[in-house]
N, C-alpha and C. Protein backbone atom coordinates (compact mmCIF):
# COMPACT_ATOMS: atom_id res chain seq x y z
N MET A 1 122.32 64.95 88.02
CA MET A 1 122.15 66.82 87.96
C MET A 1 121.20 67.79 88.46
N SER A 2 120.99 68.23 89.81
CA SER A 2 120.11 69.15 90.65
C SER A 2 119.28 69.72 89.58
N ALA A 3 118.11 70.19 90.32
CA ALA A 3 117.46 70.78 89.27
C ALA A 3 117.44 72.04 90.01
N PRO A 4 117.51 72.92 88.75
CA PRO A 4 117.98 74.59 89.69
C PRO A 4 116.82 75.34 90.04
N LYS A 5 117.33 75.81 90.95
CA LYS A 5 116.51 76.67 92.12
C LYS A 5 115.61 77.66 91.43
N THR A 6 114.02 77.69 92.32
CA THR A 6 113.43 78.49 91.50
C THR A 6 113.91 79.97 92.28
N LEU A 7 114.06 80.90 91.52
CA LEU A 7 113.97 82.24 92.07
C LEU A 7 112.88 83.60 91.35
N PHE A 8 112.52 84.37 92.69
CA PHE A 8 111.74 84.68 92.68
C PHE A 8 112.14 87.00 92.16
N PRO A 9 111.12 87.16 91.82
CA PRO A 9 111.53 88.81 91.31
C PRO A 9 111.35 89.26 92.76
N ASN A 10 111.00 89.48 93.76
CA ASN A 10 110.88 90.56 95.25
C ASN A 10 110.70 89.13 96.10
N PHE A 11 110.50 89.68 97.18
CA PHE A 11 110.85 89.04 98.66
C PHE A 11 109.34 88.56 99.45
N LYS A 12 108.25 89.67 98.76
CA LYS A 12 107.03 88.79 98.88
C LYS A 12 106.58 87.63 98.29
N GLU A 13 107.15 87.61 97.03
CA GLU A 13 106.94 85.74 96.34
C GLU A 13 107.65 84.85 96.67
N ALA A 14 108.95 85.52 97.50
CA ALA A 14 110.10 84.39 97.95
C ALA A 14 109.08 84.36 99.45
N TYR A 15 108.82 84.74 100.02
CA TYR A 15 107.86 84.66 101.04
C TYR A 15 106.87 83.33 101.89
N CYS A 16 106.04 83.69 100.07
CA CYS A 16 104.86 82.97 100.04
C CYS A 16 105.05 81.77 100.15
N ALA A 17 106.52 81.15 98.57
CA ALA A 17 106.53 80.07 98.49
C ALA A 17 107.47 79.43 99.30
N ALA A 18 108.34 79.56 100.20
CA ALA A 18 108.92 79.06 101.36
C ALA A 18 108.13 78.70 102.23
N HIS A 19 107.46 79.74 103.05
CA HIS A 19 106.37 79.90 104.03
C HIS A 19 104.93 78.95 103.69
N ARG A 20 104.85 78.62 102.48
CA ARG A 20 103.35 78.13 101.42
C ARG A 20 102.26 78.91 102.15
N CYS A 21 102.83 80.74 102.00
CA CYS A 21 101.45 81.69 102.50
C CYS A 21 100.92 82.08 101.43
N LYS A 22 99.26 82.09 101.15
CA LYS A 22 98.92 82.70 100.30
C LYS A 22 99.12 84.33 100.07
N PRO A 23 99.13 84.57 98.77
CA PRO A 23 99.56 86.01 98.66
C PRO A 23 98.79 87.24 99.41
N GLU A 24 96.95 86.87 99.90
CA GLU A 24 96.57 87.57 100.17
C GLU A 24 96.47 88.10 101.72
N ASN A 25 97.60 86.93 102.60
CA ASN A 25 97.51 86.88 103.75
C ASN A 25 98.96 87.43 104.27
N PHE A 26 100.21 87.34 103.42
CA PHE A 26 101.28 87.92 103.48
C PHE A 26 101.50 89.08 104.87
N ASP A 27 100.90 90.38 104.26
CA ASP A 27 100.99 91.47 105.32
C ASP A 27 100.77 90.96 106.91
N HIS A 28 99.21 90.61 107.08
CA HIS A 28 99.50 90.41 108.62
C HIS A 28 100.01 89.18 109.25
N GLN A 29 100.11 87.79 107.90
CA GLN A 29 101.34 86.66 108.76
C GLN A 29 102.91 87.55 109.16
N VAL A 30 103.00 88.43 108.42
CA VAL A 30 104.64 88.93 108.56
C VAL A 30 103.88 89.80 109.81
N PHE A 31 103.48 90.52 109.93
CA PHE A 31 102.72 91.25 110.75
C PHE A 31 102.82 90.43 112.60
N TRP A 32 101.96 89.24 112.55
CA TRP A 32 102.36 88.41 113.96
C TRP A 32 103.56 87.49 113.91
N LYS A 33 104.24 87.44 112.74
CA LYS A 33 105.40 86.96 113.40
C LYS A 33 106.28 87.83 113.75
N SER A 34 105.99 89.37 113.32
CA SER A 34 107.65 90.37 114.18
C SER A 34 107.17 90.95 115.02
N VAL A 35 105.52 90.81 115.51
CA VAL A 35 105.52 91.95 116.98
C VAL A 35 106.41 91.64 118.04
N TYR A 36 106.43 92.73 119.05
CA TYR A 36 107.16 91.98 119.93
C TYR A 36 106.29 91.29 120.81
N ARG A 37 106.91 90.41 121.55
CA ARG A 37 106.18 89.52 122.52
C ARG A 37 105.90 89.73 123.21
N ARG A 38 106.25 90.48 124.17
CA ARG A 38 105.77 90.99 125.21
C ARG A 38 104.45 91.86 125.31
N ALA A 39 104.64 92.55 123.70
CA ALA A 39 103.31 93.40 123.45
C ALA A 39 102.12 92.56 122.96
N LEU A 40 102.49 91.29 122.78
CA LEU A 40 101.61 90.29 122.30
C LEU A 40 99.83 90.77 122.30
N PRO A 41 99.95 90.40 123.65
CA PRO A 41 98.65 90.29 124.22
C PRO A 41 97.84 91.66 124.22
N LEU A 42 97.91 93.09 124.40
CA LEU A 42 97.64 94.14 124.00
C LEU A 42 97.44 94.39 122.67
N THR A 43 98.12 93.87 121.80
CA THR A 43 98.46 94.47 120.35
C THR A 43 97.20 92.99 119.67
N VAL A 44 96.68 92.23 120.09
CA VAL A 44 95.80 91.63 119.79
C VAL A 44 94.38 92.22 119.84
N VAL A 45 94.81 92.59 121.32
CA VAL A 45 93.11 93.69 121.71
C VAL A 45 93.21 95.00 120.81
N ILE A 46 94.32 96.11 120.65
CA ILE A 46 94.00 96.91 119.79
C ILE A 46 93.41 97.00 118.46
N TRP A 47 94.35 95.65 117.75
CA TRP A 47 93.86 94.88 116.49
C TRP A 47 93.18 94.73 116.07
N VAL A 48 92.06 94.13 116.98
CA VAL A 48 90.46 93.88 116.67
C VAL A 48 89.54 95.42 117.38
N VAL A 49 89.67 95.88 118.17
CA VAL A 49 88.86 97.48 117.95
C VAL A 49 89.90 98.28 117.33
N GLU A 50 91.12 98.56 116.99
CA GLU A 50 91.03 99.63 116.37
C GLU A 50 92.47 99.23 114.96
N ARG A 51 92.33 98.55 113.90
CA ARG A 51 93.27 97.67 112.95
C ARG A 51 94.18 99.17 112.86
N ARG A 52 93.35 99.86 112.39
CA ARG A 52 94.11 101.18 111.56
C ARG A 52 95.25 101.66 112.22
N MET A 53 95.23 101.61 113.79
CA MET A 53 96.48 101.58 114.39
C MET A 53 97.59 101.75 114.09
N PHE A 54 97.69 100.16 113.32
CA PHE A 54 98.92 99.75 112.82
C PHE A 54 99.22 99.73 111.54
N GLN A 55 98.24 100.78 110.69
CA GLN A 55 98.95 101.17 109.21
C GLN A 55 100.17 100.70 109.33
N PRO A 56 101.34 102.01 110.22
CA PRO A 56 102.32 101.91 109.48
C PRO A 56 103.60 101.01 109.42
N ASP A 57 103.19 99.81 110.32
CA ASP A 57 103.55 98.98 110.26
C ASP A 57 103.05 97.63 108.89
N LEU A 58 102.60 97.74 108.78
CA LEU A 58 101.60 97.05 107.47
C LEU A 58 102.33 98.00 106.43
N GLU A 59 102.34 99.21 106.26
CA GLU A 59 103.08 99.76 105.10
C GLU A 59 104.54 99.14 104.87
N VAL A 60 105.34 98.81 105.87
CA VAL A 60 106.69 98.55 106.05
C VAL A 60 106.61 97.32 105.29
N ILE A 61 105.83 96.29 105.92
CA ILE A 61 105.85 95.02 105.29
C ILE A 61 105.90 95.23 103.87
N ARG A 62 104.69 95.63 103.46
CA ARG A 62 104.38 96.00 102.03
C ARG A 62 105.75 96.48 101.43
N ALA A 63 106.37 97.42 101.97
CA ALA A 63 107.34 97.90 101.24
C ALA A 63 108.69 96.58 101.00
N LEU A 64 109.09 96.05 102.10
CA LEU A 64 109.66 95.39 102.17
C LEU A 64 109.29 94.14 101.27
N GLY A 65 108.63 93.69 101.22
CA GLY A 65 107.64 92.61 100.44
C GLY A 65 108.37 92.84 98.82
N ALA A 66 107.80 94.21 98.41
CA ALA A 66 108.24 94.96 97.00
C ALA A 66 109.30 94.95 96.76
N ALA A 67 110.33 94.81 97.68
CA ALA A 67 112.14 94.85 97.16
C ALA A 67 112.54 93.87 97.14
N SER A 68 113.66 93.87 95.89
CA SER A 68 114.02 92.77 95.61
C SER A 68 115.58 92.77 95.51
N THR A 69 116.45 93.43 96.52
CA THR A 69 117.73 93.80 96.49
C THR A 69 117.91 94.15 98.07
N ALA A 70 119.09 93.67 98.27
CA ALA A 70 119.64 93.64 99.97
C ALA A 70 119.70 95.63 100.19
N VAL A 71 120.26 96.32 99.43
CA VAL A 71 120.17 97.89 99.69
C VAL A 71 118.57 98.43 99.73
N GLU A 72 117.45 97.83 98.69
CA GLU A 72 116.21 98.09 98.94
C GLU A 72 116.08 97.80 100.56
N LEU A 73 116.51 96.60 100.90
CA LEU A 73 115.88 96.09 102.12
C LEU A 73 116.45 97.20 103.70
N GLN A 74 117.38 97.58 103.48
CA GLN A 74 118.26 98.53 103.78
C GLN A 74 117.47 99.75 104.23
N SER A 75 117.33 100.35 103.02
CA SER A 75 116.43 101.80 102.97
C SER A 75 115.33 101.79 103.50
N VAL A 76 114.00 100.60 103.17
CA VAL A 76 113.31 100.43 103.65
C VAL A 76 113.20 100.52 105.33
N MET A 77 114.03 99.48 105.77
CA MET A 77 114.29 98.97 107.26
C MET A 77 115.05 100.47 108.07
N GLY A 78 115.78 101.61 107.27
CA GLY A 78 116.24 102.22 107.78
C GLY A 78 115.53 103.50 107.90
N GLU A 79 114.53 103.88 106.79
CA GLU A 79 113.12 104.63 107.11
C GLU A 79 112.37 104.57 108.45
N PHE A 80 112.32 103.07 108.60
CA PHE A 80 111.19 102.75 109.17
C PHE A 80 112.09 102.96 110.77
N ASP A 81 113.35 102.47 110.85
CA ASP A 81 114.23 103.10 112.26
C ASP A 81 114.12 104.49 112.90
N ASN A 82 114.31 105.09 111.58
CA ASN A 82 113.68 106.92 111.90
C ASN A 82 112.88 107.33 112.68
N ARG A 83 112.03 106.42 111.84
CA ARG A 83 110.12 106.63 112.25
C ARG A 83 110.05 106.28 113.74
N CYS A 84 110.61 105.05 114.79
CA CYS A 84 110.46 104.98 115.18
C CYS A 84 111.64 105.79 116.10
N MET A 85 112.64 106.28 115.83
CA MET A 85 113.41 107.42 116.82
C MET A 85 112.68 108.31 116.99
N VAL A 86 111.62 108.83 116.44
CA VAL A 86 111.41 109.57 117.02
C VAL A 86 109.60 110.04 117.38
N GLU A 87 109.29 108.37 117.15
CA GLU A 87 107.93 108.39 117.69
C GLU A 87 107.40 108.34 118.95
N ARG A 88 106.43 109.11 119.01
CA ARG A 88 106.38 109.56 120.84
C ARG A 88 104.90 109.29 121.34
N SER A 89 104.46 108.33 120.46
CA SER A 89 102.61 107.55 120.61
C SER A 89 102.91 106.74 121.73
N ILE A 90 102.50 106.86 123.14
CA ILE A 90 102.56 105.95 124.45
C ILE A 90 102.45 104.14 123.34
N ARG A 91 101.45 104.31 122.79
CA ARG A 91 101.16 103.05 122.39
C ARG A 91 102.47 102.08 121.65
N ARG A 92 102.76 103.08 120.67
CA ARG A 92 104.12 102.30 120.16
C ARG A 92 105.40 102.58 120.95
N ALA A 93 105.94 103.87 121.24
CA ALA A 93 107.05 103.71 121.82
C ALA A 93 106.68 103.47 123.06
N MET A 94 106.29 103.31 124.14
CA MET A 94 106.49 103.17 125.95
C MET A 94 105.50 101.42 125.60
N PHE A 95 104.89 100.95 125.59
CA PHE A 95 104.11 99.62 125.60
C PHE A 95 104.48 98.79 124.35
N ARG A 96 105.11 99.32 123.07
CA ARG A 96 105.86 98.55 121.93
C ARG A 96 104.89 97.64 120.92
N MET A 97 103.61 98.15 121.43
CA MET A 97 102.79 97.74 119.97
C MET A 97 103.39 97.91 118.92
N ARG A 98 103.75 97.50 118.24
CA ARG A 98 104.37 97.27 116.79
C ARG A 98 105.21 96.44 116.46
N VAL A 99 105.31 96.74 114.87
CA VAL A 99 106.86 95.26 114.92
C VAL A 99 108.03 95.50 115.02
N SER A 100 108.49 94.46 115.67
CA SER A 100 109.87 95.08 115.94
C SER A 100 111.12 94.60 114.68
N GLY A 101 112.03 95.33 114.22
CA GLY A 101 113.38 95.59 113.64
C GLY A 101 113.59 94.49 113.42
N ALA A 102 114.06 93.98 114.94
CA ALA A 102 115.12 92.83 114.87
C ALA A 102 114.34 91.87 114.22
N ARG A 103 112.94 91.61 115.01
CA ARG A 103 112.33 89.89 114.46
C ARG A 103 112.05 90.09 112.88
N LEU A 104 111.54 91.52 112.28
CA LEU A 104 111.40 91.55 110.94
C LEU A 104 112.72 91.06 110.17
N THR A 105 113.69 92.01 109.80
CA THR A 105 114.66 91.95 109.07
C THR A 105 114.75 90.04 108.93
N PRO A 106 115.05 89.19 110.02
CA PRO A 106 115.88 87.92 109.38
C PRO A 106 114.31 87.43 108.61
N LEU A 107 113.08 88.01 108.76
CA LEU A 107 112.50 87.40 107.71
C LEU A 107 112.92 87.17 106.27
N PHE A 108 113.33 88.22 106.09
CA PHE A 108 113.38 88.70 104.72
C PHE A 108 114.77 88.66 104.55
N THR A 109 116.11 88.79 104.79
CA THR A 109 117.06 88.12 104.76
C THR A 109 117.65 87.33 104.78
N ASP A 110 117.03 85.92 105.29
CA ASP A 110 117.32 85.15 105.23
C ASP A 110 116.92 84.26 103.47
N LEU A 111 115.90 85.34 102.85
CA LEU A 111 115.28 84.57 101.45
C LEU A 111 116.17 85.69 100.53
N LEU A 112 117.40 85.96 100.86
CA LEU A 112 117.68 86.80 100.02
C LEU A 112 118.30 85.66 98.24
N PRO A 113 119.02 84.46 99.00
CA PRO A 113 119.18 83.10 97.71
C PRO A 113 118.54 83.46 97.19
N LEU A 114 116.85 83.55 97.67
CA LEU A 114 115.88 82.87 96.51
C LEU A 114 115.53 83.64 95.74
N ILE A 115 116.39 85.25 95.64
CA ILE A 115 115.86 86.52 94.97
C ILE A 115 116.56 86.30 93.49
N GLU A 116 115.87 86.69 92.45
CA GLU A 116 116.56 87.10 91.32
C GLU A 116 117.32 88.43 91.33
N PRO A 117 118.55 88.29 90.27
CA PRO A 117 119.13 89.72 91.17
C PRO A 117 118.17 90.21 89.74
N PRO A 118 117.88 91.41 90.20
CA PRO A 118 117.75 92.68 89.11
C PRO A 118 118.67 92.72 87.25
N ALA A 119 118.09 92.60 86.34
CA ALA A 119 119.00 92.75 85.37
C ALA A 119 119.69 94.95 85.33
N PRO A 120 120.51 94.65 84.86
CA PRO A 120 121.36 95.78 85.40
C PRO A 120 120.48 96.73 83.77
N ALA A 121 120.55 98.18 84.62
CA ALA A 121 119.62 99.05 83.47
C ALA A 121 120.33 99.65 82.71
N PRO A 122 119.89 99.59 81.37
CA PRO A 122 120.07 100.06 79.79
C PRO A 122 121.32 101.62 80.54
N VAL A 123 122.76 101.89 80.18
CA VAL A 123 122.89 103.46 79.99
C VAL A 123 122.10 104.34 79.21
N ASP A 124 121.69 105.02 79.69
CA ASP A 124 121.16 105.97 78.63
C ASP A 124 121.57 107.53 78.99
N PHE A 125 122.98 107.59 77.88
CA PHE A 125 123.24 108.96 78.24
C PHE A 125 122.52 110.48 77.59
N PRO A 126 122.13 111.36 78.17
CA PRO A 126 121.00 112.41 77.69
C PRO A 126 121.97 113.31 76.86
N PRO A 127 121.18 114.01 75.88
CA PRO A 127 122.42 114.76 75.07
C PRO A 127 122.61 116.05 75.91
N LYS A 128 123.82 116.38 75.72
CA LYS A 128 124.27 117.47 76.68
C LYS A 128 123.33 118.59 76.50
N ARG A 129 123.06 119.44 77.45
CA ARG A 129 122.29 121.05 77.32
C ARG A 129 123.21 121.93 77.86
N SER A 130 122.79 123.00 77.05
CA SER A 130 123.19 123.81 78.15
C SER A 130 122.65 124.55 78.97
N PRO A 131 122.79 125.40 80.00
CA PRO A 131 121.72 125.75 80.79
C PRO A 131 120.78 126.30 79.74
N GLN A 132 121.04 127.87 79.11
CA GLN A 132 120.05 128.58 78.51
C GLN A 132 118.94 127.18 77.37
N ASP A 133 119.47 126.15 76.96
CA ASP A 133 118.17 125.19 76.70
C ASP A 133 117.23 124.81 77.25
N ILE A 134 118.02 124.40 79.07
CA ILE A 134 117.30 123.97 80.44
C ILE A 134 116.06 124.80 80.32
N ALA A 135 116.58 126.18 80.62
CA ALA A 135 115.80 127.54 80.94
C ALA A 135 114.32 127.61 79.34
N ALA A 136 115.33 127.52 78.28
CA ALA A 136 113.58 127.72 77.60
C ALA A 136 112.95 126.55 77.46
N ARG A 137 113.41 125.08 78.04
CA ARG A 137 112.45 124.20 77.85
C ARG A 137 111.78 124.02 78.95
N GLU A 138 112.01 124.63 80.22
CA GLU A 138 111.03 124.59 81.35
C GLU A 138 110.40 125.74 81.45
N GLY A 139 108.76 125.79 81.61
CA GLY A 139 108.25 126.76 81.60
C GLY A 139 108.44 127.05 82.97
N PRO A 140 107.62 128.58 82.96
CA PRO A 140 107.40 129.21 84.34
C PRO A 140 107.27 128.21 85.49
N GLU A 141 105.49 127.77 84.74
CA GLU A 141 104.80 127.01 86.01
C GLU A 141 105.25 126.12 86.73
N ASN A 142 106.27 124.65 85.81
CA ASN A 142 107.06 123.94 86.31
C ASN A 142 107.85 125.09 87.59
N ARG A 143 108.49 125.75 87.32
CA ARG A 143 109.45 126.06 88.16
C ARG A 143 109.09 126.65 88.99
N ASP A 144 108.04 127.46 88.55
CA ASP A 144 107.32 128.34 90.50
C ASP A 144 106.25 126.82 90.90
N ALA A 145 106.15 125.91 89.94
CA ALA A 145 105.64 124.68 91.01
C ALA A 145 106.47 123.81 91.92
N ARG A 146 107.63 124.03 91.53
CA ARG A 146 109.02 123.16 92.06
C ARG A 146 109.26 124.11 93.40
N GLU A 147 109.19 125.05 92.96
CA GLU A 147 110.12 126.16 94.24
C GLU A 147 109.26 126.50 95.40
N ASN A 148 107.82 126.48 94.96
CA ASN A 148 106.82 126.59 96.26
C ASN A 148 106.78 125.62 96.24
N THR A 149 107.11 124.11 96.26
CA THR A 149 107.10 123.04 96.89
C THR A 149 107.94 122.90 98.04
N GLY A 150 109.06 123.27 97.27
CA GLY A 150 110.54 123.54 98.15
C GLY A 150 110.16 124.08 99.36
N VAL A 151 109.45 125.19 99.40
CA VAL A 151 109.15 126.09 100.60
C VAL A 151 108.50 125.36 101.86
N VAL A 152 107.39 124.86 100.89
CA VAL A 152 106.58 124.23 101.37
C VAL A 152 107.12 123.30 102.54
N VAL A 153 108.27 122.87 102.10
CA VAL A 153 108.64 121.11 102.63
C VAL A 153 109.37 121.58 103.73
N ARG A 154 110.21 122.73 103.56
CA ARG A 154 110.96 123.66 104.21
C ARG A 154 110.08 124.22 105.50
N ARG A 155 109.37 124.41 105.28
CA ARG A 155 108.31 124.83 106.56
C ARG A 155 107.76 123.72 107.31
N LEU A 156 107.77 122.58 106.34
CA LEU A 156 107.06 121.65 107.15
C LEU A 156 108.25 120.94 108.15
N LYS A 157 109.07 120.87 107.75
CA LYS A 157 110.50 120.30 108.50
C LYS A 157 110.75 121.16 109.22
N ARG A 158 110.50 122.37 109.15
CA ARG A 158 111.02 123.40 110.85
C ARG A 158 109.84 123.05 111.47
N PHE A 159 108.60 123.07 111.61
CA PHE A 159 107.29 122.52 111.75
C PHE A 159 107.59 121.33 112.70
N HIS A 160 108.44 120.07 111.91
CA HIS A 160 108.31 119.10 112.75
C HIS A 160 109.25 119.31 113.93
N ALA A 161 110.61 119.71 113.47
CA ALA A 161 111.41 120.24 114.60
C ALA A 161 110.70 120.73 115.94
N ASP A 162 109.91 122.14 115.45
CA ASP A 162 110.01 122.52 116.86
C ASP A 162 108.85 121.38 117.31
N VAL A 163 107.63 120.70 116.98
CA VAL A 163 106.89 119.78 117.52
C VAL A 163 107.87 118.83 118.30
N VAL A 164 108.95 117.98 117.38
CA VAL A 164 109.83 117.33 118.34
C VAL A 164 110.90 117.77 119.33
N GLY A 165 111.01 119.26 118.95
CA GLY A 165 111.64 119.75 120.28
C GLY A 165 110.91 120.44 121.42
N GLY A 166 109.54 119.75 121.82
CA GLY A 166 108.63 120.34 122.93
C GLY A 166 108.16 121.32 122.77
N ARG A 167 107.94 122.59 121.33
CA ARG A 167 107.16 123.76 121.21
C ARG A 167 105.92 123.36 121.24
N PRO A 168 105.12 123.96 122.10
CA PRO A 168 103.84 123.68 122.29
C PRO A 168 102.88 123.71 121.01
N LEU A 169 102.10 123.43 120.71
CA LEU A 169 101.59 123.70 119.37
C LEU A 169 101.08 124.30 118.48
N PRO A 170 100.18 124.92 119.67
CA PRO A 170 99.70 126.20 118.78
C PRO A 170 100.93 127.27 118.72
N GLU A 171 102.08 126.95 119.19
CA GLU A 171 102.95 128.15 119.34
C GLU A 171 103.59 127.80 117.32
N ALA A 172 104.01 126.43 117.30
CA ALA A 172 104.52 125.36 116.22
C ALA A 172 103.24 126.01 115.26
N LEU A 173 102.13 126.35 115.74
CA LEU A 173 101.02 126.29 114.28
C LEU A 173 101.26 127.51 113.73
N ALA A 174 101.28 128.12 114.45
CA ALA A 174 101.16 129.64 114.36
C ALA A 174 102.64 130.04 113.75
N GLU A 175 103.51 129.68 113.96
CA GLU A 175 104.81 129.92 113.44
C GLU A 175 104.39 129.19 112.23
N LEU A 176 103.95 128.17 111.78
CA LEU A 176 103.53 127.92 110.04
C LEU A 176 102.71 128.00 109.56
N GLY A 177 101.49 129.25 109.98
CA GLY A 177 100.76 129.96 109.50
C GLY A 177 99.52 129.46 109.08
N VAL A 178 98.88 128.26 109.91
CA VAL A 178 97.93 127.32 109.27
C VAL A 178 97.39 126.87 110.95
N ASP A 179 95.79 126.33 110.64
CA ASP A 179 95.40 125.82 111.79
C ASP A 179 95.90 124.21 111.87
N LEU A 180 95.19 123.29 112.98
CA LEU A 180 95.20 122.02 112.31
C LEU A 180 95.24 121.39 111.98
N ASP A 181 94.13 121.37 111.02
CA ASP A 181 93.19 120.69 109.99
C ASP A 181 94.45 120.35 108.61
N GLU A 182 94.22 122.11 108.47
CA GLU A 182 95.34 122.77 107.31
C GLU A 182 96.72 121.87 107.15
N ALA A 183 97.63 121.98 108.62
CA ALA A 183 98.73 121.24 108.73
C ALA A 183 98.79 119.91 108.89
N ARG A 184 97.56 119.53 109.04
CA ARG A 184 97.40 117.23 108.69
C ARG A 184 97.42 117.51 107.12
N ALA A 185 96.43 118.14 106.18
CA ALA A 185 96.43 118.31 104.58
C ALA A 185 97.90 118.94 104.44
N LEU A 186 98.60 119.89 104.89
CA LEU A 186 99.66 119.62 104.13
C LEU A 186 100.75 118.47 104.24
N LEU A 187 100.63 117.75 105.32
CA LEU A 187 101.40 117.36 105.73
C LEU A 187 101.06 115.66 104.85
N GLY A 188 100.42 115.73 104.48
CA GLY A 188 99.41 114.36 103.79
C GLY A 188 100.19 114.13 102.40
N GLN A 189 100.26 115.53 101.89
CA GLN A 189 100.09 115.90 100.62
C GLN A 189 101.99 115.94 100.43
N HIS A 190 102.66 116.18 101.55
CA HIS A 190 103.92 115.95 100.98
C HIS A 190 104.60 114.66 101.88
N ARG A 191 104.34 113.78 102.22
CA ARG A 191 104.85 112.59 103.76
C ARG A 191 105.64 111.79 102.57
N SER A 192 105.24 111.53 101.25
CA SER A 192 106.04 110.53 100.29
C SER A 192 107.33 110.83 100.05
N GLY A 193 107.97 109.72 100.72
CA GLY A 193 109.15 109.84 100.84
C GLY A 193 109.98 110.86 101.79
N ARG A 194 109.45 111.46 102.98
CA ARG A 194 109.57 112.06 104.18
C ARG A 194 109.07 111.47 105.20
N PRO A 195 110.06 110.24 105.75
CA PRO A 195 109.60 109.47 107.16
C PRO A 195 109.03 110.70 108.24
N ASP A 196 110.16 111.66 108.28
CA ASP A 196 110.06 112.52 109.13
C ASP A 196 108.28 113.17 109.18
N LEU A 197 108.27 113.98 108.23
CA LEU A 197 106.66 114.18 107.97
C LEU A 197 105.53 113.39 107.95
N GLY A 198 106.10 111.74 107.57
CA GLY A 198 104.73 110.78 107.83
C GLY A 198 104.69 110.99 108.59
N TRP A 199 105.97 110.63 110.10
CA TRP A 199 105.24 110.59 111.29
C TRP A 199 104.34 111.51 112.07
N LEU A 200 105.08 112.59 111.28
CA LEU A 200 104.01 114.24 112.56
C LEU A 200 102.56 113.79 111.63
N HIS A 201 102.16 113.50 110.49
CA HIS A 201 101.22 113.28 109.62
C HIS A 201 100.20 112.97 110.89
N ASP A 202 100.78 111.28 111.12
CA ASP A 202 100.11 110.12 112.30
C ASP A 202 99.97 110.88 113.54
N HIS A 203 101.00 111.45 114.04
CA HIS A 203 100.88 111.66 115.07
C HIS A 203 99.66 112.81 115.55
N LEU A 204 99.83 113.56 114.36
CA LEU A 204 98.88 114.67 114.49
C LEU A 204 97.29 114.28 114.32
N GLU A 205 97.43 113.25 113.64
CA GLU A 205 95.90 112.55 113.18
C GLU A 205 95.56 111.60 114.43
N GLU A 206 96.65 111.33 115.45
CA GLU A 206 95.95 110.25 116.82
C GLU A 206 95.88 111.18 117.99
N ARG A 207 96.30 112.65 118.08
CA ARG A 207 96.22 113.83 119.01
C ARG A 207 94.71 114.21 118.53
N GLY A 208 94.57 114.14 117.23
CA GLY A 208 93.13 114.97 116.46
C GLY A 208 91.88 113.76 117.21
N GLN A 209 92.01 112.59 117.44
CA GLN A 209 91.67 111.26 117.86
C GLN A 209 91.05 111.58 118.74
N LEU A 210 92.66 111.26 119.70
CA LEU A 210 92.63 111.77 121.08
C LEU A 210 92.07 113.11 121.43
N ASP A 211 91.69 114.12 121.31
CA ASP A 211 90.92 115.10 121.61
C ASP A 211 89.67 115.17 121.12
N TRP A 212 89.11 114.51 120.27
CA TRP A 212 87.89 114.16 120.39
C TRP A 212 87.52 113.35 121.15
N LEU A 213 88.55 112.21 121.53
CA LEU A 213 87.67 111.63 123.01
C LEU A 213 87.75 111.82 123.94
N ARG A 214 88.00 112.99 124.23
CA ARG A 214 88.25 113.71 125.32
C ARG A 214 87.19 114.44 125.36
N ALA A 215 86.32 115.28 124.49
CA ALA A 215 85.65 116.12 124.34
C ALA A 215 84.34 115.51 124.49
N GLU A 216 84.32 114.08 123.69
CA GLU A 216 83.68 113.33 123.68
C GLU A 216 83.22 112.61 125.17
N ASN A 217 83.89 112.47 126.30
CA ASN A 217 83.95 111.68 127.49
C ASN A 217 83.15 113.39 128.16
N ALA A 218 83.65 114.34 128.00
CA ALA A 218 83.15 115.30 128.86
C ALA A 218 81.93 115.99 128.95
N ARG A 219 81.47 115.26 127.24
CA ARG A 219 79.82 116.19 126.65
C ARG A 219 78.99 114.55 127.31
N LEU A 220 79.91 113.23 127.52
CA LEU A 220 78.83 112.33 128.38
C LEU A 220 78.79 112.69 129.81
N ALA A 221 79.91 113.25 129.98
CA ALA A 221 80.11 113.31 131.70
C ALA A 221 78.99 114.74 132.24
N LYS A 222 78.74 115.76 131.09
CA LYS A 222 77.85 116.27 131.09
C LYS A 222 76.67 115.83 131.33
N GLN A 223 76.46 115.71 130.38
CA GLN A 223 74.97 114.85 130.00
C GLN A 223 74.58 113.91 131.06
N ALA A 224 75.35 113.23 131.61
CA ALA A 224 74.94 112.38 133.38
C ALA A 224 74.69 113.12 133.98
N ALA A 225 75.38 114.09 134.12
CA ALA A 225 75.48 114.58 135.67
C ALA A 225 73.61 115.74 135.75
N GLU A 226 73.68 116.08 134.09
CA GLU A 226 72.15 116.64 133.89
C GLU A 226 71.31 115.89 134.10
N MET A 227 71.43 114.55 133.76
CA MET A 227 70.02 113.85 134.01
C MET A 227 70.45 113.09 135.40
N SER A 228 71.09 113.49 136.03
CA SER A 228 71.43 112.96 137.67
C SER A 228 70.66 113.96 138.41
N ALA A 229 70.97 115.43 138.04
CA ALA A 229 70.66 116.52 138.59
C ALA A 229 69.00 116.36 138.27
N LYS A 230 68.10 115.76 137.13
CA LYS A 230 67.27 115.87 136.97
C LYS A 230 66.02 114.54 137.48
N LEU A 231 66.97 113.69 138.16
CA LEU A 231 66.36 112.41 138.64
C LEU A 231 66.38 112.87 140.47
N SER A 232 67.06 113.70 140.54
CA SER A 232 67.27 114.08 142.46
C SER A 232 66.05 115.08 142.14
N ALA A 233 65.82 115.86 141.57
CA ALA A 233 65.01 117.19 141.32
C ALA A 233 63.56 116.46 141.31
N ALA A 234 63.48 115.65 140.50
CA ALA A 234 62.08 114.67 140.56
C ALA A 234 62.03 114.11 141.88
N ARG A 235 62.63 113.66 142.80
CA ARG A 235 62.85 112.91 143.59
C ARG A 235 62.02 113.80 144.87
N GLY A 236 62.91 114.72 144.86
CA GLY A 236 62.84 116.24 145.63
C GLY A 236 61.16 116.30 146.06
N GLY A 237 61.03 116.40 144.12
CA GLY A 237 59.73 117.33 144.14
C GLY A 237 58.75 116.17 144.54
N GLY A 238 58.60 114.87 144.36
CA GLY A 238 57.86 113.79 144.76
C GLY A 238 57.53 113.76 145.92
C-alpha cells in the first residue's frame, strides 16, 4: 500500500516542498521564475539599483503563497490583472519589467493536488434583529466614521477616474480638494482591498520620485553652469 500523500495548508509551503526552496527564499525565487524573459536584463539592473520598484510583484507573490484554494488564486490574479490593465508606468507597461501572469499562474495551479482542502466553516446563524435593535446598538460615532469613509472612497475613485481618463493632475487634485502629498496619504489609508486606489497611490509615488529627480538634475545643472562661469571669469581675469 502506497504511503499517503503529504498535503500542505497553503501554496507557499507546497511550493517550498516541491521545489526544495527555503521559505525565506520563496518570494525571490518565484519572482525570477515569473518575470518576462525579454525584460530580464533590464529587470536585473533595476533590481540591483532600486529593488522597491518591484514591491507590487512581491506583494502578489506573497498573497498567492498564502492562498489555499483555486478561488483564492483566481481572486489574487484577478486583482493583479486589473492593476496591470491600468498600469501606465513606462517601466512596467512598456518594457514589461514585472512578473508575467502567464508564467506566474502555472507555478501555483500545478500545486493544487498538494493543498489540503480547508475545513468547512461552521454555520452560525445570528439572532434576528430589528432595524431598531441595530440602530440602538450602533453608536453615532461608528455610523459617522463609516459614512465618512464611504464618502472619501467615492471621492478617491472619482479622482482615479479623472487621472486615468487623462485629466491634468493639478485639475484632478483641485477637484479632490487636496494637494499631492495629502492625496497620496489618503490613497495609502484606503488602498486595502482596492487595486485601483493602490495603483494610483504607487503611480503618484513614482511621479513624485521622478519630479524630485528632475528638480535635482536642474539644480546640479545650474550649479555646474555657475561653476563653469566662475572658472571662465577666473581665466579671463588672469
